[in-house]
Amino acid sequence: LRNLGPLGIVGLLIVAAGIGLIAWADPVVAVGMAL
């Protein structure tokens, strides 16, 4: 996380939130998106 910097950490949080939102709607699609 130290190497990512603040912008990279925010980007990771946005990606995680997006995958979480997709998983809430359809878990199979979320697994595919994560892969």
PDB file of all heavy atoms in Angstrom:
ATOM      1  N   LEU A   1       0.822  -1.208   0.000  1.00  0.00           N
ATOM      2  CA  LEU A   1       0.000   0.000   0.000  1.00  0.00           C
ATOM      3  C   LEU A   1       0.858   1.262   0.000  1.00  0.00           C
ATOM      4  O   LEU A   1       0.451   2.285  -0.549  1.00  0.00           O
ATOM      5  CB  LEU A   1      -0.945  -0.004   1.200  1.00  0.00           C
ATOM      6  CG  LEU A   1      -2.064  -1.050   1.153  1.00  0.00           C
ATOM      7  CD1 LEU A   1      -2.886  -0.996   2.425  1.00  0.00           C
ATOM      8  CD2 LEU A   1      -2.938  -0.885  -0.055  1.00  0.00           C
ATOM      9  N   ARG A   2       2.042   1.189   0.589  1.00  0.00           N
ATOM     10  CA  ARG A   2       2.939   2.341   0.608  1.00  0.00           C
ATOM     11  C   ARG A   2       3.388   2.691  -0.820  1.00  0.00           C
ATOM     12  O   ARG A   2       3.548   3.855  -1.169  1.00  0.00           O
ATOM     13  CB  ARG A   2       4.139   2.044   1.481  1.00  0.00           C
ATOM     14  CG  ARG A   2       5.037   3.240   1.681  1.00  0.00           C
ATOM     15  CD  ARG A   2       6.242   2.928   2.550  1.00  0.00           C
ATOM     16  NE  ARG A   2       5.951   1.940   3.578  1.00  0.00           N
ATOM     17  CZ  ARG A   2       6.859   1.153   4.116  1.00  0.00           C
ATOM     18  NH1 ARG A   2       8.108   1.237   3.740  1.00  0.00           N
ATOM     19  NH2 ARG A   2       6.531   0.287   5.043  1.00  0.00           N
ATOM     20  N   ASN A   3       3.573   1.673  -1.656  1.00  0.00           N
ATOM     21  CA  ASN A   3       4.012   1.898  -3.030  1.00  0.00           C
ATOM     22  C   ASN A   3       2.904   2.456  -3.917  1.00  0.00           C
ATOM     23  O   ASN A   3       3.191   3.083  -4.930  1.00  0.00           O
ATOM     24  CB  ASN A   3       4.533   0.597  -3.643  1.00  0.00           C
ATOM     25  CG  ASN A   3       5.783   0.112  -2.963  1.00  0.00           C
ATOM     26  OD1 ASN A   3       6.489   0.888  -2.334  1.00  0.00           O
ATOM     27  ND2 ASN A   3       6.043  -1.169  -3.061  1.00  0.00           N
ATOM     28  N   LEU A   4       1.657   2.220  -3.563  1.00  0.00           N
ATOM     29  CA  LEU A   4       0.539   2.686  -4.381  1.00  0.00           C
ATOM     30  C   LEU A   4       0.320   4.189  -4.260  1.00  0.00           C
ATOM     31  O   LEU A   4      -0.040   4.836  -5.232  1.00  0.00           O
ATOM     32  CB  LEU A   4      -0.744   1.964  -3.988  1.00  0.00           C
ATOM     33  CG  LEU A   4      -0.893   0.542  -4.455  1.00  0.00           C
ATOM     34  CD1 LEU A   4      -2.172  -0.039  -3.902  1.00  0.00           C
ATOM     35  CD2 LEU A   4      -0.864   0.442  -5.950  1.00  0.00           C
ATOM     36  N   GLY A   5       0.470   4.697  -3.082  1.00  0.00           N
ATOM     37  CA  GLY A   5       0.173   6.104  -2.851  1.00  0.00           C
ATOM     38  C   GLY A   5      -1.312   6.301  -2.613  1.00  0.00           C
ATOM     39  O   GLY A   5      -2.113   5.374  -2.743  1.00  0.00           O
ATOM     40  N   PRO A   6      -1.707   7.522  -2.284  1.00  0.00           N
ATOM     41  CA  PRO A   6      -3.111   7.766  -1.953  1.00  0.00           C
ATOM     42  C   PRO A   6      -4.054   7.548  -3.136  1.00  0.00           C
ATOM     43  O   PRO A   6      -5.152   7.021  -2.981  1.00  0.00           O
ATOM     44  CB  PRO A   6      -3.139   9.227  -1.509  1.00  0.00           C
ATOM     45  CG  PRO A   6      -1.764   9.758  -1.646  1.00  0.00           C
ATOM     46  CD  PRO A   6      -0.864   8.665  -2.082  1.00  0.00           C
ATOM     47  N   LEU A   7      -3.635   7.929  -4.328  1.00  0.00           N
ATOM     48  CA  LEU A   7      -4.505   7.767  -5.499  1.00  0.00           C
ATOM     49  C   LEU A   7      -4.712   6.287  -5.824  1.00  0.00           C
ATOM     50  O   LEU A   7      -5.814   5.868  -6.174  1.00  0.00           O
ATOM     51  CB  LEU A   7      -3.898   8.501  -6.695  1.00  0.00           C
ATOM     52  CG  LEU A   7      -4.806   8.683  -7.892  1.00  0.00           C
ATOM     53  CD1 LEU A   7      -6.049   9.466  -7.509  1.00  0.00           C
ATOM     54  CD2 LEU A   7      -4.056   9.400  -8.996  1.00  0.00           C
ATOM     55  N   GLY A   8      -3.670   5.491  -5.672  1.00  0.00           N
ATOM     56  CA  GLY A   8      -3.792   4.054  -5.905  1.00  0.00           C
ATOM     57  C   GLY A   8      -4.698   3.376  -4.897  1.00  0.00           C
ATOM     58  O   GLY A   8      -5.461   2.474  -5.238  1.00  0.00           O
ATOM     59  N   ILE A   9      -4.626   3.823  -3.649  1.00  0.00           N
ATOM     60  CA  ILE A   9      -5.490   3.255  -2.611  1.00  0.00           C
ATOM     61  C   ILE A   9      -6.948   3.594  -2.886  1.00  0.00           C
ATOM     62  O   ILE A   9      -7.834   2.739  -2.763  1.00  0.00           O
ATOM     63  CB  ILE A   9      -5.048   3.738  -1.217  1.00  0.00           C
ATOM     64  CG1 ILE A   9      -3.671   3.164  -0.891  1.00  0.00           C
ATOM     65  CG2 ILE A   9      -6.060   3.341  -0.147  1.00  0.00           C
ATOM     66  CD1 ILE A   9      -3.036   3.730   0.349  1.00  0.00           C
ATOM     67  N   VAL A  10      -7.209   4.826  -3.298  1.00  0.00           N
ATOM     68  CA  VAL A  10      -8.581   5.220  -3.648  1.00  0.00           C
ATOM     69  C   VAL A  10      -9.062   4.389  -4.831  1.00  0.00           C
ATOM     70  O   VAL A  10     -10.208   3.931  -4.864  1.00  0.00           O
ATOM     71  CB  VAL A  10      -8.657   6.737  -3.949  1.00  0.00           C
ATOM     72  CG1 VAL A  10      -9.992   7.101  -4.544  1.00  0.00           C
ATOM     73  CG2 VAL A  10      -8.397   7.536  -2.690  1.00  0.00           C
ATOM     74  N   GLY A  11      -8.197   4.164  -5.802  1.00  0.00           N
ATOM     75  CA  GLY A  11      -8.559   3.337  -6.953  1.00  0.00           C
ATOM     76  C   GLY A  11      -8.910   1.921  -6.539  1.00  0.00           C
ATOM     77  O   GLY A  11      -9.880   1.342  -7.033  1.00  0.00           O
ATOM     78  N   LEU A  12      -8.116   1.352  -5.635  1.00  0.00           N
ATOM     79  CA  LEU A  12      -8.417   0.001  -5.140  1.00  0.00           C
ATOM     80  C   LEU A  12      -9.758  -0.042  -4.413  1.00  0.00           C
ATOM     81  O   LEU A  12     -10.525  -0.996  -4.567  1.00  0.00           O
ATOM     82  CB  LEU A  12      -7.320  -0.452  -4.187  1.00  0.00           C
ATOM     83  CG  LEU A  12      -6.143  -1.195  -4.803  1.00  0.00           C
ATOM     84  CD1 LEU A  12      -5.094  -1.498  -3.746  1.00  0.00           C
ATOM     85  CD2 LEU A  12      -6.585  -2.446  -5.480  1.00  0.00           C
ATOM     86  N   LEU A  13     -10.037   0.982  -3.616  1.00  0.00           N
ATOM     87  CA  LEU A  13     -11.325   1.025  -2.913  1.00  0.00           C
ATOM     88  C   LEU A  13     -12.493   1.134  -3.888  1.00  0.00           C
ATOM     89  O   LEU A  13     -13.535   0.497  -3.684  1.00  0.00           O
ATOM     90  CB  LEU A  13     -11.340   2.194  -1.929  1.00  0.00           C
ATOM     91  CG  LEU A  13     -10.424   2.051  -0.721  1.00  0.00           C
ATOM     92  CD1 LEU A  13     -10.436   3.342   0.118  1.00  0.00           C
ATOM     93  CD2 LEU A  13     -10.841   0.865   0.126  1.00  0.00           C
ATOM     94  N   ILE A  14     -12.327   1.908  -4.947  1.00  0.00           N
ATOM     95  CA  ILE A  14     -13.394   2.038  -5.943  1.00  0.00           C
ATOM     96  C   ILE A  14     -13.625   0.709  -6.660  1.00  0.00           C
ATOM     97  O   ILE A  14     -14.770   0.305  -6.888  1.00  0.00           O
ATOM     98  CB  ILE A  14     -13.069   3.173  -6.933  1.00  0.00           C
ATOM     99  CG1 ILE A  14     -13.173   4.511  -6.220  1.00  0.00           C
ATOM    100  CG2 ILE A  14     -13.989   3.124  -8.144  1.00  0.00           C
ATOM    101  CD1 ILE A  14     -12.703   5.685  -7.041  1.00  0.00           C
ATOM    102  N   VAL A  15     -12.532   0.024  -7.014  1.00  0.00           N
ATOM    103  CA  VAL A  15     -12.670  -1.288  -7.660  1.00  0.00           C
ATOM    104  C   VAL A  15     -13.362  -2.271  -6.716  1.00  0.00           C
ATOM    105  O   VAL A  15     -14.264  -3.010  -7.124  1.00  0.00           O
ATOM    106  CB  VAL A  15     -11.290  -1.817  -8.101  1.00  0.00           C
ATOM    107  CG1 VAL A  15     -11.365  -3.280  -8.488  1.00  0.00           C
ATOM    108  CG2 VAL A  15     -10.750  -0.989  -9.252  1.00  0.00           C
ATOM    109  N   ALA A  16     -12.967  -2.286  -5.446  1.00  0.00           N
ATOM    110  CA  ALA A  16     -13.588  -3.190  -4.480  1.00  0.00           C
ATOM    111  C   ALA A  16     -15.072  -2.868  -4.292  1.00  0.00           C
ATOM    112  O   ALA A  16     -15.907  -3.781  -4.205  1.00  0.00           O
ATOM    113  CB  ALA A  16     -12.862  -3.115  -3.141  1.00  0.00           C
ATOM    114  N   ALA A  17     -15.409  -1.581  -4.258  1.00  0.00           N
ATOM    115  CA  ALA A  17     -16.821  -1.192  -4.126  1.00  0.00           C
ATOM    116  C   ALA A  17     -17.610  -1.622  -5.354  1.00  0.00           C
ATOM    117  O   ALA A  17     -18.755  -2.094  -5.240  1.00  0.00           O
ATOM    118  CB  ALA A  17     -16.926   0.315  -3.913  1.00  0.00           C
ATOM    119  N   GLY A  18     -17.013  -1.477  -6.531  1.00  0.00           N
ATOM    120  CA  GLY A  18     -17.692  -1.895  -7.760  1.00  0.00           C
ATOM    121  C   GLY A  18     -17.940  -3.393  -7.792  1.00  0.00           C
ATOM    122  O   GLY A  18     -19.039  -3.848  -8.140  1.00  0.00           O
ATOM    123  N   ILE A  19     -16.932  -4.173  -7.418  1.00  0.00           N
ATOM    124  CA  ILE A  19     -17.097  -5.632  -7.376  1.00  0.00           C
ATOM    125  C   ILE A  19     -18.142  -6.001  -6.330  1.00  0.00           C
ATOM    126  O   ILE A  19     -18.958  -6.892  -6.536  1.00  0.00           O
ATOM    127  CB  ILE A  19     -15.752  -6.327  -7.081  1.00  0.00           C
ATOM    128  CG1 ILE A  19     -14.764  -6.106  -8.224  1.00  0.00           C
ATOM    129  CG2 ILE A  19     -15.937  -7.820  -6.831  1.00  0.00           C
ATOM    130  CD1 ILE A  19     -15.086  -6.809  -9.503  1.00  0.00           C
ATOM    131  N   GLY A  20     -18.144  -5.305  -5.196  1.00  0.00           N
ATOM    132  CA  GLY A  20     -19.147  -5.570  -4.166  1.00  0.00           C
ATOM    133  C   GLY A  20     -20.555  -5.278  -4.635  1.00  0.00           C
ATOM    134  O   GLY A  20     -21.486  -6.039  -4.353  1.00  0.00           O
ATOM    135  N   LEU A  21     -20.724  -4.193  -5.365  1.00  0.00           N
ATOM    136  CA  LEU A  21     -22.045  -3.847  -5.896  1.00  0.00           C
ATOM    137  C   LEU A  21     -22.509  -4.880  -6.916  1.00  0.00           C
ATOM    138  O   LEU A  21     -23.673  -5.291  -6.915  1.00  0.00           O
ATOM    139  CB  LEU A  21     -21.988  -2.455  -6.537  1.00  0.00           C
ATOM    140  CG  LEU A  21     -23.297  -1.889  -7.055  1.00  0.00           C
ATOM    141  CD1 LEU A  21     -24.278  -1.710  -5.908  1.00  0.00           C
ATOM    142  CD2 LEU A  21     -23.049  -0.563  -7.740  1.00  0.00           C
ATOM    143  N   ILE A  22     -21.585  -5.328  -7.766  1.00  0.00           N
ATOM    144  CA  ILE A  22     -21.942  -6.362  -8.737  1.00  0.00           C
ATOM    145  C   ILE A  22     -22.266  -7.668  -8.018  1.00  0.00           C
ATOM    146  O   ILE A  22     -23.209  -8.376  -8.386  1.00  0.00           O
ATOM    147  CB  ILE A  22     -20.801  -6.550  -9.761  1.00  0.00           C
ATOM    148  CG1 ILE A  22     -20.648  -5.296 -10.610  1.00  0.00           C
ATOM    149  CG2 ILE A  22     -21.053  -7.757 -10.651  1.00  0.00           C
ATOM    150  CD1 ILE A  22     -19.408  -5.273 -11.468  1.00  0.00           C
ATOM    151  N   ALA A  23     -21.499  -8.008  -6.968  1.00  0.00           N
ATOM    152  CA  ALA A  23     -21.737  -9.241  -6.216  1.00  0.00           C
ATOM    153  C   ALA A  23     -23.093  -9.215  -5.522  1.00  0.00           C
ATOM    154  O   ALA A  23     -23.742 -10.253  -5.383  1.00  0.00           O
ATOM    155  CB  ALA A  23     -20.633  -9.450  -5.189  1.00  0.00           C
ATOM    156  N   TRP A  24     -23.511  -8.043  -5.120  1.00  0.00           N
ATOM    157  CA  TRP A  24     -24.824  -7.929  -4.478  1.00  0.00           C
ATOM    158  C   TRP A  24     -25.928  -8.250  -5.482  1.00  0.00           C
ATOM    159  O   TRP A  24     -26.911  -8.895  -5.145  1.00  0.00           O
ATOM    160  CB  TRP A  24     -24.977  -6.521  -3.924  1.00  0.00           C
ATOM    161  CG  TRP A  24     -26.285  -6.285  -3.235  1.00  0.00           C
ATOM    162  CD1 TRP A  24     -26.709  -6.846  -2.071  1.00  0.00           C
ATOM    163  CD2 TRP A  24     -27.328  -5.436  -3.688  1.00  0.00           C
ATOM    164  NE1 TRP A  24     -27.948  -6.385  -1.756  1.00  0.00           N
ATOM    165  CE2 TRP A  24     -28.357  -5.514  -2.744  1.00  0.00           C
ATOM    166  CE3 TRP A  24     -27.491  -4.618  -4.790  1.00  0.00           C
ATOM    167  CZ2 TRP A  24     -29.540  -4.805  -2.887  1.00  0.00           C
ATOM    168  CZ3 TRP A  24     -28.660  -3.901  -4.925  1.00  0.00           C
ATOM    169  CH2 TRP A  24     -29.673  -4.006  -3.981  1.00  0.00           C
ATOM    170  N   ALA A  25     -25.741  -7.840  -6.744  1.00  0.00           N
ATOM    171  CA  ALA A  25     -26.745  -8.091  -7.772  1.00  0.00           C
ATOM    172  C   ALA A  25     -26.631  -9.507  -8.338  1.00  0.00           C
ATOM    173  O   ALA A  25     -27.647 -10.184  -8.519  1.00  0.00           O
ATOM    174  CB  ALA A  25     -26.604  -7.074  -8.897  1.00  0.00           C
ATOM    175  N   ASP A  26     -25.400  -9.957  -8.637  1.00  0.00           N
ATOM    176  CA  ASP A  26     -25.213 -11.276  -9.236  1.00  0.00           C
ATOM    177  C   ASP A  26     -23.817 -11.796  -8.887  1.00  0.00           C
ATOM    178  O   ASP A  26     -22.830 -11.350  -9.487  1.00  0.00           O
ATOM    179  CB  ASP A  26     -25.389 -11.185 -10.749  1.00  0.00           C
ATOM    180  CG  ASP A  26     -25.468 -12.546 -11.416  1.00  0.00           C
ATOM    181  OD1 ASP A  26     -25.271 -13.562 -10.733  1.00  0.00           O
ATOM    182  OD2 ASP A  26     -25.732 -12.594 -12.632  1.00  0.00           O
ATOM    183  N   PRO A  27     -23.725 -12.723  -7.952  1.00  0.00           N
ATOM    184  CA  PRO A  27     -22.412 -13.198  -7.493  1.00  0.00           C
ATOM    185  C   PRO A  27     -21.565 -13.859  -8.579  1.00  0.00           C
ATOM    186  O   PRO A  27     -20.352 -13.714  -8.595  1.00  0.00           O
ATOM    187  CB  PRO A  27     -22.745 -14.207  -6.394  1.00  0.00           C
ATOM    188  CG  PRO A  27     -24.128 -13.880  -5.962  1.00  0.00           C
ATOM    189  CD  PRO A  27     -24.814 -13.292  -7.157  1.00  0.00           C
ATOM    190  N   VAL A  28     -22.190 -14.580  -9.509  1.00  0.00           N
ATOM    191  CA  VAL A  28     -21.424 -15.261 -10.552  1.00  0.00           C
ATOM    192  C   VAL A  28     -20.740 -14.253 -11.467  1.00  0.00           C
ATOM    193  O   VAL A  28     -19.573 -14.407 -11.826  1.00  0.00           O
ATOM    194  CB  VAL A  28     -22.331 -16.215 -11.360  1.00  0.00           C
ATOM    195  CG1 VAL A  28     -21.579 -16.838 -12.516  1.00  0.00           C
ATOM    196  CG2 VAL A  28     -22.908 -17.286 -10.454  1.00  0.00           C
ATOM    197  N   VAL A  29     -21.448 -13.200 -11.820  1.00  0.00           N
ATOM    198  CA  VAL A  29     -20.861 -12.158 -12.661  1.00  0.00           C
ATOM    199  C   VAL A  29     -19.743 -11.454 -11.906  1.00  0.00           C
ATOM    200  O   VAL A  29     -18.705 -11.107 -12.491  1.00  0.00           O
ATOM    201  CB  VAL A  29     -21.948 -11.152 -13.113  1.00  0.00           C
ATOM    202  CG1 VAL A  29     -21.337  -9.996 -13.865  1.00  0.00           C
ATOM    203  CG2 VAL A  29     -22.991 -11.844 -13.967  1.00  0.00           C
ATOM    204  N   ALA A  30     -19.900 -11.252 -10.607  1.00  0.00           N
ATOM    205  CA  ALA A  30     -18.867 -10.603  -9.800  1.00  0.00           C
ATOM    206  C   ALA A  30     -17.583 -11.421  -9.780  1.00  0.00           C
ATOM    207  O   ALA A  30     -16.485 -10.864  -9.865  1.00  0.00           O
ATOM    208  CB  ALA A  30     -19.377 -10.368  -8.379  1.00  0.00           C
ATOM    209  N   VAL A  31     -17.698 -12.729  -9.681  1.00  0.00           N
ATOM    210  CA  VAL A  31     -16.511 -13.586  -9.698  1.00  0.00           C
ATOM    211  C   VAL A  31     -15.817 -13.471 -11.043  1.00  0.00           C
ATOM    212  O   VAL A  31     -14.591 -13.360 -11.119  1.00  0.00           O
ATOM    213  CB  VAL A  31     -16.880 -15.053  -9.381  1.00  0.00           C
ATOM    214  CG1 VAL A  31     -15.718 -15.989  -9.640  1.00  0.00           C
ATOM    215  CG2 VAL A  31     -17.353 -15.177  -7.949  1.00  0.00           C
ATOM    216  N   GLY A  32     -16.589 -13.450 -12.113  1.00  0.00           N
ATOM    217  CA  GLY A  32     -16.014 -13.288 -13.439  1.00  0.00           C
ATOM    218  C   GLY A  32     -15.301 -11.956 -13.593  1.00  0.00           C
ATOM    219  O   GLY A  32     -14.192 -11.889 -14.132  1.00  0.00           O
ATOM    220  N   MET A  33     -15.915 -10.897 -13.116  1.00  0.00           N
ATOM    221  CA  MET A  33     -15.298  -9.573 -13.187  1.00  0.00           C
ATOM    222  C   MET A  33     -14.014  -9.528 -12.370  1.00  0.00           C
ATOM    223  O   MET A  33     -13.018  -8.940 -12.792  1.00  0.00           O
ATOM    224  CB  MET A  33     -16.263  -8.498 -12.688  1.00  0.00           C
ATOM    225  CG  MET A  33     -17.453  -8.253 -13.576  1.00  0.00           C
ATOM    226  SD  MET A  33     -17.019  -7.428 -15.084  1.00  0.00           S
ATOM    227  CE  MET A  33     -16.498  -5.859 -14.469  1.00  0.00           C
ATOM    228  N   ALA A  34     -14.017 -10.139 -11.191  1.00  0.00           N
ATOM    229  CA  ALA A  34     -12.822 -10.161 -10.345  1.00  0.00           C
ATOM    230  C   ALA A  34     -11.685 -10.917 -11.033  1.00  0.00           C
ATOM    231  O   ALA A  34     -10.529 -10.492 -10.983  1.00  0.00           O
ATOM    232  CB  ALA A  34     -13.147 -10.787  -8.990  1.00  0.00           C
ATOM    233  N   LEU A  35     -12.005 -12.023 -11.699  1.00  0.00           N
ATOM    234  CA  LEU A  35     -10.983 -12.780 -12.417  1.00  0.00           C
ATOM    235  C   LEU A  35     -10.421 -11.977 -13.590  1.00  0.00           C
ATOM    236  O   LEU A  35      -9.216 -12.002 -13.844  1.00  0.00           O
ATOM    237  CB  LEU A  35     -11.557 -14.106 -12.908  1.00  0.00           C
ATOM    238  CG  LEU A  35     -11.819 -15.154 -11.834  1.00  0.00           C
ATOM    239  CD1 LEU A  35     -12.526 -16.366 -12.430  1.00  0.00           C
ATOM    240  CD2 LEU A  35     -10.532 -15.569 -11.158  1.00  0.00           C
TER     241      LEU A  35
END
